[in-house]
Each structure stands twice: as structure tokens, then as C-alpha cells.
């Protein structure tokens, strides 16, 4: 997308041409110093703002991928503001951060209310200004000079937020109008009604979608890490259904441009599917639940697929093309992944120094995890890892020496599994 969305952007852009107002060089030097201090705290600021927005605003923390995109949007906006302050750049010369626009489009596709988007910007503006007030106060400037610096930064912040919120709001509205006019909209609303209703109408669902509910269903979530057309995801999902010998065509609904929910009809067949047997195309990933019967099975299988998806999409998590709810540790780790900060703290409490983010501790964690999985057998651990038995003994001893005393073996095994599946999200400081 290039240029401002019409109407709303024009007036804001005209106001931007007046900001920053002319200021003397001494004031601009002070503002540049504030900008330098903001730059030094940029990563901390971005992480803090992202976490605050995800907590405070409904529906912004529903998906790890969405939170990751929120962080990219926050980073793009903060970086732009710092750049403007540091270099006295007229705001009418700037363009919106690509991540900020993409985040607005993704919220529109997910039907997240637009007021959540606008509120996030105003919360961010308030937090950045509070930080700036503190930085200005620390400089100990004379009152008149401090007021001039504060007013200048406030003018820049207000003008930028006024413009960018109008810009992304218009982008959101345009995308929402395009998205809801898609052919799949009727089926999508019907599916979400069945998932969310306390009293689902199975007959109405079947009449509107042509999909039978009185059978076994395997719910899957199919997504891409690359920019693709929805037709690519649709085709990959239908190929997956054929591989699984589906009893009919799957029912598919797009969640955004990179993610679809789907249910594969299995007729009367029961039993689980081994994810290792499935090979989706490159850059296509699949999360799957257990097969379930009837309306309850349709919904439960989807919840399981969402749980597997939540683990697979945590930034830095171990990436495999297909992840199933029945895979080792996925079910319980998906619960712990709902609060990554608390889980990281718990992992550190359980594993001590073994939770450090280094290649050496990663090797020790892997060895100890396999050791527990093989019922504390040095021999079987050595066979599985293709190591000498004495090497295993040395590593296990070294790993246990890093762990606080008297830790329960179950806690240790679970914490190691969490590290294996969530990776950098839970190891380190």
C-alpha cells in the first residue's frame, strides 16, 4: 500500500506539514539527546509496550503470531518516532511502517474490533510520553527550557499518532470491507457460530455448509510462514485430506491471509494420525487435534488443534512441519504457553543454571531429557543419542549439578520438555 488512504489521511497530512514547528538549535540538540536515550532503551520499550497492549486490550493476545506482528508494529512506530526526534524530520516526509499497516490488515481479517487498534496507539502514546517526561526531568533544565522541550516532543507525538491512527484505521476499514465480501463469508460465520454458541444448531449448520456432523472429524490449522495466496493454503488442506483418505471434502475457513481452519471428515473411522507421516509443501505448517465425533468432537478437535498451534507458533519454538496435540508434551505445554513470562520464571526455578541460553546447556538439557524419557537408563540414552555410555553419565551428572537440590523428577522432566518445545521463549535470564 502506498500513499495515504483518501479523505481521512489528507487533513492529518496537512497538519503534519506544520510539525515539528521551527525551533532553535539548542532546543533541537536537547530533543536529539532525549531521542538518543530512547534509542538506547528501544528494545526494552518495544517489549514493554507490546506486553502492556496485549494484556490491556481484549483480543490482541489471542494468537502468538498476532502478538509477534503487534511487536513488529510497535517497533516500526517507535523507531520512526525516535528517528523524527533525533533528526528533526518533518513528519509530512515520513511513510507508515510496513508492519503497522500489515498488523491493521491482519486485525481486520481476524474481525478484531477496530477500536482495539486505535486504543493500542493511544496507550502507546501515553507510555512513551511518560518516559519522555522522566528523561526531561533528569536533565535538570531550567523551567522554561524544560517546558519548550516537552511541548516540542508532545507536538511531534500528537501529530504522528493523529496521522498514523487515521491511516491504519482507514486501511483496516478497507480490508474489512474486502474481507467480508469474500465468498467464504457465509460458511465462515456459520462455522464460528457452531464453535462459539452455547446451544449450537447442528441442522442449520449442515444445511448452510453441506458438511455432515454425525461422523468423525479431524480438525487442522494450516498456515504459512511465507506470503501466499489463500488458494495455496486451500489446495494444501485438500491435499492433506486426500492423504488422510477423507470421507468427503473438508470444510475450510480462512482466518487471515496466512491461516485457515479446516475439518477433515473421516466417516466412522477412529484412531489418531501420526504427524510424522504427513509431508506438507515447503513453508506450509499444520497443527492437528484428535479425531472427534459429532458437534462435541468437531469443537474439541478444533480446540486441540489450536493448542498445538499455540505451541508451534511461539517465537523461537522448535519448528516442525506438522505438530499434533497428541505429540509428546504438546497438551500440557500448550497450557503453560498461555503465560510465557510465568512459565519462563518457573523453568528457571526448576532448572536453575540449566535454564541458561547457551549451546552447552542446550546439550545438557537434551541429554537429561532423554535420560528421563528412557526411565533413567544410561544405556538407552546412549543408544538414542548415539553417544558413548560414559559420555552420557558425564553429561547427566553435570546437568544434575546445575539444578537446585531436591527437585521433583516430574517437574524436571516437564521443564525440560517446555525448553525443548518453546526454546528461546523460556530459556535465558
Foldseek 3Di string as FASTA:
>chain_A
DDDFDPDQQVVLLVLLQCPPPDDDPVLLVVLLVLLVVCVVCLVVLLVVLLVVLLVPFPPQVLALVSSVLSSVQSSQVSVVLSVCSNPVDRPSPDDHDPSVLVSLLLCLLQVPDLVSSLVSLVVSLVVVLVVSLVVLVVVVDPPVSSVVSSVNSNSSSVSVSSNSSSRSSSSNVVSNVVNCVDPCNQLVVLVVCLQPPPDRDQVVNCVSQVDHQQAKKKKKKKFFPDQDAVVLVLVQVQVVLVVVVAPDGWDWDASHRTMIIIITGRGHDADADDQVVDDTPPRMAMEIEHIDHGSVRVNVRNVLSSLLNRLQSNVQFDHDRYHYSPPPLSVVLSVVSSDLVVLLVLLCQFQPPLLAQDPLSLVLLVLLLVCVVVVNDLVVSCVVVVHDSVVSVVSPVVSVVRGDPPHDPVSSNNSSVNCNGNPPSRGHD
